[in-house]
Amino acid sequence: MDSKKIEEELIQKLTEGEMHSEEPDEAAVKKLPYPTEIRIQAQIDPVVDETRKFRQMAREVDDRYAKYDSLVNEPSKQEND
C-alpha cells in the first residue's frame, strides 16, 4: 500500500461517527484504580473483651445493655458446644 492510501484510510476512520469528548475531571476519575478493602476476621472482639473487664470492675445501674450481652454471649455458647 502506498502512503497516500493509508493516509486516506486513517483520515476516514478518524472522522467517521460522532466525536466523544469527556470532561478532563471525569476522565481523570475514571482512570483512578478501584478502592480495595481488606477485611481480617478476628477470633477475639476487643470491644467485647474490654466491656467484660469494665463489668468485672463495676456494676450497671440499669439493665440498658442486657440485650447486647445476650447477643454477644450466644455465639460463644454455640462455639463451645
PDB file of N, CA and C in Angstrom:
ATOM      1  N   MET A   1       0.832  -1.186   0.000  1.00  0.00           N
ATOM      2  CA  MET A   1       0.000   0.000   0.000  1.00  0.00           C
ATOM      3  C   MET A   1       0.875   1.247   0.000  1.00  0.00           C
ATOM      4  N   ASP A   2       0.416   2.183  -0.721  1.00  0.00           N
ATOM      5  CA  ASP A   2       1.187   3.416  -0.727  1.00  0.00           C
ATOM      6  C   ASP A   2       0.748   4.302   0.440  1.00  0.00           C
ATOM      7  N   SER A   3       1.572   5.242   0.779  1.00  0.00           N
ATOM      8  CA  SER A   3       1.331   6.085   1.952  1.00  0.00           C
ATOM      9  C   SER A   3       0.102   6.972   1.780  1.00  0.00           C
ATOM     10  N   LYS A   4      -0.212   7.367   0.558  1.00  0.00           N
ATOM     11  CA  LYS A   4      -1.376   8.221   0.327  1.00  0.00           C
ATOM     12  C   LYS A   4      -2.663   7.476   0.654  1.00  0.00           C
ATOM     13  N   LYS A   5      -2.748   6.210   0.247  1.00  0.00           N
ATOM     14  CA  LYS A   5      -3.928   5.405   0.505  1.00  0.00           C
ATOM     15  C   LYS A   5      -4.076   5.136   2.016  1.00  0.00           C
ATOM     16  N   ILE A   6      -2.987   4.860   2.686  1.00  0.00           N
ATOM     17  CA  ILE A   6      -3.002   4.635   4.135  1.00  0.00           C
ATOM     18  C   ILE A   6      -3.457   5.903   4.849  1.00  0.00           C
ATOM     19  N   GLU A   7      -2.977   7.037   4.395  1.00  0.00           N
ATOM     20  CA  GLU A   7      -3.342   8.316   4.994  1.00  0.00           C
ATOM     21  C   GLU A   7      -4.841   8.576   4.820  1.00  0.00           C
ATOM     22  N   GLU A   8      -5.384   8.284   3.642  1.00  0.00           N
ATOM     23  CA  GLU A   8      -6.811   8.481   3.392  1.00  0.00           C
ATOM     24  C   GLU A   8      -7.651   7.571   4.285  1.00  0.00           C
ATOM     25  N   GLU A   9      -7.230   6.320   4.470  1.00  0.00           N
ATOM     26  CA  GLU A   9      -7.952   5.397   5.352  1.00  0.00           C
ATOM     27  C   GLU A   9      -7.933   5.883   6.795  1.00  0.00           C
ATOM     28  N   LEU A  10      -6.811   6.400   7.200  1.00  0.00           N
ATOM     29  CA  LEU A  10      -6.676   6.926   8.550  1.00  0.00           C
ATOM     30  C   LEU A  10      -7.598   8.121   8.756  1.00  0.00           C
ATOM     31  N   ILE A  11      -7.621   9.018   7.808  1.00  0.00           N
ATOM     32  CA  ILE A  11      -8.496  10.192   7.896  1.00  0.00           C
ATOM     33  C   ILE A  11      -9.954   9.753   7.949  1.00  0.00           C
ATOM     34  N   GLN A  12     -10.317   8.783   7.135  1.00  0.00           N
ATOM     35  CA  GLN A  12     -11.690   8.300   7.102  1.00  0.00           C
ATOM     36  C   GLN A  12     -12.082   7.686   8.450  1.00  0.00           C
ATOM     37  N   LYS A  13     -11.214   6.863   9.022  1.00  0.00           N
ATOM     38  CA  LYS A  13     -11.512   6.229  10.294  1.00  0.00           C
ATOM     39  C   LYS A  13     -11.592   7.240  11.431  1.00  0.00           C
ATOM     40  N   LEU A  14     -10.758   8.274  11.362  1.00  0.00           N
ATOM     41  CA  LEU A  14     -10.756   9.277  12.428  1.00  0.00           C
ATOM     42  C   LEU A  14     -11.958  10.209  12.341  1.00  0.00           C
ATOM     43  N   THR A  15     -12.498  10.404  11.151  1.00  0.00           N
ATOM     44  CA  THR A  15     -13.608  11.349  11.001  1.00  0.00           C
ATOM     45  C   THR A  15     -14.968  10.666  10.981  1.00  0.00           C
ATOM     46  N   GLU A  16     -15.042   9.344  10.940  1.00  0.00           N
ATOM     47  CA  GLU A  16     -16.322   8.637  10.948  1.00  0.00           C
ATOM     48  C   GLU A  16     -16.972   8.717  12.317  1.00  0.00           C
ATOM     49  N   GLY A  17     -18.311   8.734  12.334  1.00  0.00           N
ATOM     50  CA  GLY A  17     -19.055   8.677  13.586  1.00  0.00           C
ATOM     51  C   GLY A  17     -18.987   9.976  14.366  1.00  0.00           C
ATOM     52  N   GLU A  18     -19.592   9.912  15.538  1.00  0.00           N
ATOM     53  CA  GLU A  18     -19.634  11.087  16.401  1.00  0.00           C
ATOM     54  C   GLU A  18     -18.381  11.140  17.259  1.00  0.00           C
ATOM     55  N   MET A  19     -17.978  12.360  17.541  1.00  0.00           N
ATOM     56  CA  MET A  19     -16.824  12.526  18.433  1.00  0.00           C
ATOM     57  C   MET A  19     -17.324  12.498  19.873  1.00  0.00           C
ATOM     58  N   HIS A  20     -16.640  11.763  20.669  1.00  0.00           N
ATOM     59  CA  HIS A  20     -16.977  11.689  22.089  1.00  0.00           C
ATOM     60  C   HIS A  20     -15.935  12.472  22.863  1.00  0.00           C
ATOM     61  N   SER A  21     -16.407  13.528  23.499  1.00  0.00           N
ATOM     62  CA  SER A  21     -15.460  14.300  24.305  1.00  0.00           C
ATOM     63  C   SER A  21     -15.862  14.171  25.766  1.00  0.00           C
ATOM     64  N   GLU A  22     -14.895  13.977  26.603  1.00  0.00           N
ATOM     65  CA  GLU A  22     -15.121  13.847  28.040  1.00  0.00           C
ATOM     66  C   GLU A  22     -14.550  15.051  28.752  1.00  0.00           C
ATOM     67  N   GLU A  23     -15.145  15.337  29.864  1.00  0.00           N
ATOM     68  CA  GLU A  23     -14.602  16.376  30.726  1.00  0.00           C
ATOM     69  C   GLU A  23     -13.291  15.853  31.307  1.00  0.00           C
ATOM     70  N   PRO A  24     -12.276  16.690  31.406  1.00  0.00           N
ATOM     71  CA  PRO A  24     -10.994  16.212  31.953  1.00  0.00           C
ATOM     72  C   PRO A  24     -11.116  15.665  33.371  1.00  0.00           C
ATOM     73  N   ASP A  25     -11.971  16.290  34.199  1.00  0.00           N
ATOM     74  CA  ASP A  25     -12.130  15.812  35.570  1.00  0.00           C
ATOM     75  C   ASP A  25     -12.754  14.417  35.598  1.00  0.00           C
ATOM     76  N   GLU A  26     -13.779  14.200  34.773  1.00  0.00           N
ATOM     77  CA  GLU A  26     -14.435  12.894  34.737  1.00  0.00           C
ATOM     78  C   GLU A  26     -13.493  11.820  34.200  1.00  0.00           C
ATOM     79  N   ALA A  27     -12.719  12.164  33.191  1.00  0.00           N
ATOM     80  CA  ALA A  27     -11.767  11.206  32.625  1.00  0.00           C
ATOM     81  C   ALA A  27     -10.712  10.823  33.660  1.00  0.00           C
ATOM     82  N   ALA A  28     -10.271  11.798  34.450  1.00  0.00           N
ATOM     83  CA  ALA A  28      -9.261  11.514  35.473  1.00  0.00           C
ATOM     84  C   ALA A  28      -9.820  10.585  36.545  1.00  0.00           C
ATOM     85  N   VAL A  29     -11.077  10.798  36.929  1.00  0.00           N
ATOM     86  CA  VAL A  29     -11.693   9.940  37.945  1.00  0.00           C
ATOM     87  C   VAL A  29     -11.848   8.522  37.414  1.00  0.00           C
ATOM     88  N   LYS A  30     -12.195   8.372  36.142  1.00  0.00           N
ATOM     89  CA  LYS A  30     -12.353   7.037  35.557  1.00  0.00           C
ATOM     90  C   LYS A  30     -11.032   6.275  35.509  1.00  0.00           C
ATOM     91  N   LYS A  31      -9.922   6.998  35.418  1.00  0.00           N
ATOM     92  CA  LYS A  31      -8.617   6.345  35.337  1.00  0.00           C
ATOM     93  C   LYS A  31      -8.090   5.896  36.693  1.00  0.00           C
ATOM     94  N   LEU A  32      -8.681   6.398  37.778  1.00  0.00           N
ATOM     95  CA  LEU A  32      -8.230   6.009  39.111  1.00  0.00           C
ATOM     96  C   LEU A  32      -8.519   4.533  39.351  1.00  0.00           C
ATOM     97  N   PRO A  33      -7.640   3.848  40.073  1.00  0.00           N
ATOM     98  CA  PRO A  33      -7.901   2.434  40.366  1.00  0.00           C
ATOM     99  C   PRO A  33      -9.057   2.309  41.364  1.00  0.00           C
ATOM    100  N   TYR A  34      -9.723   1.161  41.329  1.00  0.00           N
ATOM    101  CA  TYR A  34     -10.812   0.926  42.254  1.00  0.00           C
ATOM    102  C   TYR A  34     -10.259   0.822  43.668  1.00  0.00           C
ATOM    103  N   PRO A  35     -11.003   1.362  44.642  1.00  0.00           N
ATOM    104  CA  PRO A  35     -10.526   1.240  46.025  1.00  0.00           C
ATOM    105  C   PRO A  35     -10.620  -0.217  46.474  1.00  0.00           C
ATOM    106  N   THR A  36      -9.622  -0.640  47.189  1.00  0.00           N
ATOM    107  CA  THR A  36      -9.624  -2.010  47.680  1.00  0.00           C
ATOM    108  C   THR A  36      -9.936  -2.010  49.166  1.00  0.00           C
ATOM    109  N   GLU A  37     -10.525  -3.077  49.612  1.00  0.00           N
ATOM    110  CA  GLU A  37     -10.886  -3.191  51.011  1.00  0.00           C
ATOM    111  C   GLU A  37     -10.352  -4.517  51.517  1.00  0.00           C
ATOM    112  N   ILE A  38      -9.651  -4.465  52.618  1.00  0.00           N
ATOM    113  CA  ILE A  38      -9.089  -5.678  53.198  1.00  0.00           C
ATOM    114  C   ILE A  38      -9.800  -5.920  54.519  1.00  0.00           C
ATOM    115  N   ARG A  39     -10.327  -7.107  54.658  1.00  0.00           N
ATOM    116  CA  ARG A  39     -11.008  -7.469  55.899  1.00  0.00           C
ATOM    117  C   ARG A  39     -10.296  -8.659  56.522  1.00  0.00           C
ATOM    118  N   ILE A  40     -10.120  -8.566  57.809  1.00  0.00           N
ATOM    119  CA  ILE A  40      -9.477  -9.647  58.547  1.00  0.00           C
ATOM    120  C   ILE A  40     -10.470 -10.134  59.591  1.00  0.00           C
ATOM    121  N   GLN A  41     -10.736 -11.421  59.583  1.00  0.00           N
ATOM    122  CA  GLN A  41     -11.661 -11.978  60.547  1.00  0.00           C
ATOM    123  C   GLN A  41     -10.897 -12.292  61.824  1.00  0.00           C
ATOM    124  N   ALA A  42     -11.339 -11.701  62.910  1.00  0.00           N
ATOM    125  CA  ALA A  42     -10.673 -11.890  64.188  1.00  0.00           C
ATOM    126  C   ALA A  42     -11.435 -12.900  65.033  1.00  0.00           C
ATOM    127  N   GLN A  43     -10.708 -13.654  65.811  1.00  0.00           N
ATOM    128  CA  GLN A  43     -11.323 -14.620  66.715  1.00  0.00           C
ATOM    129  C   GLN A  43     -11.812 -13.938  67.993  1.00  0.00           C
ATOM    130  N   ILE A  44     -11.172 -12.836  68.346  1.00  0.00           N
ATOM    131  CA  ILE A  44     -11.489 -12.141  69.580  1.00  0.00           C
ATOM    132  C   ILE A  44     -11.959 -10.727  69.245  1.00  0.00           C
ATOM    133  N   ASP A  45     -13.076 -10.323  69.834  1.00  0.00           N
ATOM    134  CA  ASP A  45     -13.582  -8.969  69.639  1.00  0.00           C
ATOM    135  C   ASP A  45     -13.045  -8.098  70.774  1.00  0.00           C
ATOM    136  N   PRO A  46     -12.182  -7.128  70.472  1.00  0.00           N
ATOM    137  CA  PRO A  46     -11.589  -6.324  71.540  1.00  0.00           C
ATOM    138  C   PRO A  46     -12.616  -5.496  72.311  1.00  0.00           C
ATOM    139  N   VAL A  47     -13.690  -5.083  71.656  1.00  0.00           N
ATOM    140  CA  VAL A  47     -14.717  -4.294  72.346  1.00  0.00           C
ATOM    141  C   VAL A  47     -15.426  -5.149  73.392  1.00  0.00           C
ATOM    142  N   VAL A  48     -15.731  -6.372  73.018  1.00  0.00           N
ATOM    143  CA  VAL A  48     -16.401  -7.281  73.957  1.00  0.00           C
ATOM    144  C   VAL A  48     -15.487  -7.575  75.141  1.00  0.00           C
ATOM    145  N   ASP A  49     -14.219  -7.828  74.878  1.00  0.00           N
ATOM    146  CA  ASP A  49     -13.279  -8.104  75.971  1.00  0.00           C
ATOM    147  C   ASP A  49     -13.156  -6.914  76.918  1.00  0.00           C
ATOM    148  N   GLU A  50     -13.067  -5.727  76.354  1.00  0.00           N
ATOM    149  CA  GLU A  50     -12.941  -4.537  77.196  1.00  0.00           C
ATOM    150  C   GLU A  50     -14.208  -4.311  78.010  1.00  0.00           C
ATOM    151  N   THR A  51     -15.358  -4.548  77.398  1.00  0.00           N
ATOM    152  CA  THR A  51     -16.626  -4.389  78.112  1.00  0.00           C
ATOM    153  C   THR A  51     -16.709  -5.372  79.272  1.00  0.00           C
ATOM    154  N   ARG A  52     -16.281  -6.596  79.065  1.00  0.00           N
ATOM    155  CA  ARG A  52     -16.295  -7.596  80.147  1.00  0.00           C
ATOM    156  C   ARG A  52     -15.391  -7.170  81.302  1.00  0.00           C
ATOM    157  N   LYS A  53     -14.238  -6.597  80.980  1.00  0.00           N
ATOM    158  CA  LYS A  53     -13.328  -6.143  82.039  1.00  0.00           C
ATOM    159  C   LYS A  53     -13.945  -5.016  82.860  1.00  0.00           C
ATOM    160  N   PHE A  54     -14.604  -4.065  82.164  1.00  0.00           N
ATOM    161  CA  PHE A  54     -15.261  -2.974  82.878  1.00  0.00           C
ATOM    162  C   PHE A  54     -16.384  -3.490  83.765  1.00  0.00           C
ATOM    163  N   ARG A  55     -17.104  -4.485  83.286  1.00  0.00           N
ATOM    164  CA  ARG A  55     -18.227  -5.015  84.067  1.00  0.00           C
ATOM    165  C   ARG A  55     -17.746  -5.829  85.259  1.00  0.00           C
ATOM    166  N   GLN A  56     -16.531  -6.346  85.199  1.00  0.00           N
ATOM    167  CA  GLN A  56     -15.972  -7.023  86.370  1.00  0.00           C
ATOM    168  C   GLN A  56     -15.619  -5.997  87.447  1.00  0.00           C
ATOM    169  N   MET A  57     -15.258  -4.782  87.021  1.00  0.00           N
ATOM    170  CA  MET A  57     -14.861  -3.744  87.973  1.00  0.00           C
ATOM    171  C   MET A  57     -16.057  -2.982  88.535  1.00  0.00           C
ATOM    172  N   ALA A  58     -17.134  -2.852  87.744  1.00  0.00           N
ATOM    173  CA  ALA A  58     -18.266  -2.039  88.173  1.00  0.00           C
ATOM    174  C   ALA A  58     -19.577  -2.725  87.807  1.00  0.00           C
ATOM    175  N   ARG A  59     -20.640  -2.262  88.490  1.00  0.00           N
ATOM    176  CA  ARG A  59     -21.965  -2.809  88.253  1.00  0.00           C
ATOM    177  C   ARG A  59     -22.797  -1.743  87.549  1.00  0.00           C
ATOM    178  N   GLU A  60     -23.649  -2.176  86.590  1.00  0.00           N
ATOM    179  CA  GLU A  60     -24.502  -1.229  85.883  1.00  0.00           C
ATOM    180  C   GLU A  60     -25.678  -0.829  86.760  1.00  0.00           C
ATOM    181  N   VAL A  61     -26.096   0.415  86.648  1.00  0.00           N
ATOM    182  CA  VAL A  61     -27.230   0.914  87.422  1.00  0.00           C
ATOM    183  C   VAL A  61     -28.534   0.348  86.852  1.00  0.00           C
ATOM    184  N   ASP A  62     -28.644   0.332  85.550  1.00  0.00           N
ATOM    185  CA  ASP A  62     -29.833  -0.240  84.911  1.00  0.00           C
ATOM    186  C   ASP A  62     -29.390  -1.340  83.938  1.00  0.00           C
ATOM    187  N   ASP A  63     -30.349  -2.059  83.421  1.00  0.00           N
ATOM    188  CA  ASP A  63     -30.035  -3.164  82.506  1.00  0.00           C
ATOM    189  C   ASP A  63     -30.106  -2.705  81.053  1.00  0.00           C
ATOM    190  N   ARG A  64     -29.535  -1.580  80.778  1.00  0.00           N
ATOM    191  CA  ARG A  64     -29.588  -0.986  79.453  1.00  0.00           C
ATOM    192  C   ARG A  64     -28.899  -1.871  78.408  1.00  0.00           C
ATOM    193  N   TYR A  65     -27.829  -2.524  78.786  1.00  0.00           N
ATOM    194  CA  TYR A  65     -27.056  -3.314  77.831  1.00  0.00           C
ATOM    195  C   TYR A  65     -27.242  -4.819  78.004  1.00  0.00           C
ATOM    196  N   ALA A  66     -28.277  -5.218  78.700  1.00  0.00           N
ATOM    197  CA  ALA A  66     -28.522  -6.637  78.925  1.00  0.00           C
ATOM    198  C   ALA A  66     -28.810  -7.363  77.607  1.00  0.00           C
ATOM    199  N   LYS A  67     -29.545  -6.713  76.712  1.00  0.00           N
ATOM    200  CA  LYS A  67     -29.851  -7.324  75.417  1.00  0.00           C
ATOM    201  C   LYS A  67     -28.549  -7.530  74.616  1.00  0.00           C
ATOM    202  N   TYR A  68     -27.649  -6.572  74.681  1.00  0.00           N
ATOM    203  CA  TYR A  68     -26.359  -6.695  73.994  1.00  0.00           C
ATOM    204  C   TYR A  68     -25.566  -7.868  74.550  1.00  0.00           C
ATOM    205  N   ASP A  69     -25.607  -8.035  75.868  1.00  0.00           N
ATOM    206  CA  ASP A  69     -24.899  -9.151  76.492  1.00  0.00           C
ATOM    207  C   ASP A  69     -25.407 -10.481  75.963  1.00  0.00           C
ATOM    208  N   SER A  70     -26.722 -10.601  75.838  1.00  0.00           N
ATOM    209  CA  SER A  70     -27.265 -11.874  75.363  1.00  0.00           C
ATOM    210  C   SER A  70     -26.862 -12.127  73.916  1.00  0.00           C
ATOM    211  N   LEU A  71     -26.776 -11.081  73.101  1.00  0.00           N
ATOM    212  CA  LEU A  71     -26.358 -11.248  71.711  1.00  0.00           C
ATOM    213  C   LEU A  71     -24.892 -11.648  71.615  1.00  0.00           C
ATOM    214  N   VAL A  72     -24.066 -11.070  72.454  1.00  0.00           N
ATOM    215  CA  VAL A  72     -22.632 -11.349  72.415  1.00  0.00           C
ATOM    216  C   VAL A  72     -22.321 -12.717  72.998  1.00  0.00           C
ATOM    217  N   ASN A  73     -23.035 -13.110  74.037  1.00  0.00           N
ATOM    218  CA  ASN A  73     -22.752 -14.376  74.707  1.00  0.00           C
ATOM    219  C   ASN A  73     -23.282 -15.587  73.953  1.00  0.00           C
ATOM    220  N   GLU A  74     -24.327 -15.431  73.141  1.00  0.00           N
ATOM    221  CA  GLU A  74     -24.880 -16.566  72.407  1.00  0.00           C
ATOM    222  C   GLU A  74     -23.882 -17.208  71.454  1.00  0.00           C
ATOM    223  N   PRO A  75     -23.149 -16.446  70.605  1.00  0.00           N
ATOM    224  CA  PRO A  75     -22.191 -17.100  69.721  1.00  0.00           C
ATOM    225  C   PRO A  75     -21.096 -17.858  70.472  1.00  0.00           C
ATOM    226  N   SER A  76     -20.668 -17.336  71.609  1.00  0.00           N
ATOM    227  CA  SER A  76     -19.612 -18.029  72.350  1.00  0.00           C
ATOM    228  C   SER A  76     -20.132 -19.337  72.921  1.00  0.00           C
ATOM    229  N   LYS A  77     -21.429 -19.388  73.298  1.00  0.00           N
ATOM    230  CA  LYS A  77     -22.012 -20.631  73.780  1.00  0.00           C
ATOM    231  C   LYS A  77     -22.088 -21.664  72.667  1.00  0.00           C
ATOM    232  N   GLN A  78     -22.431 -21.210  71.458  1.00  0.00           N
ATOM    233  CA  GLN A  78     -22.538 -22.119  70.325  1.00  0.00           C
ATOM    234  C   GLN A  78     -21.163 -22.685  69.955  1.00  0.00           C
ATOM    235  N   GLU A  79     -20.127 -21.881  70.085  1.00  0.00           N
ATOM    236  CA  GLU A  79     -18.778 -22.335  69.747  1.00  0.00           C
ATOM    237  C   GLU A  79     -18.312 -23.426  70.713  1.00  0.00           C
ATOM    238  N   ASN A  80     -18.714 -23.322  71.978  1.00  0.00           N
ATOM    239  CA  ASN A  80     -18.297 -24.275  72.982  1.00  0.00           C
ATOM    240  C   ASN A  80     -19.017 -25.615  72.841  1.00  0.00           C
ATOM    241  N   ASP A  81     -20.196 -25.646  72.199  1.00  0.00           N
ATOM    242  CA  ASP A  81     -20.959 -26.892  72.037  1.00  0.00           C
ATOM    243  C   ASP A  81     -20.311 -27.836  71.070  1.00  0.00           C
TER     244      ASP A  81
END
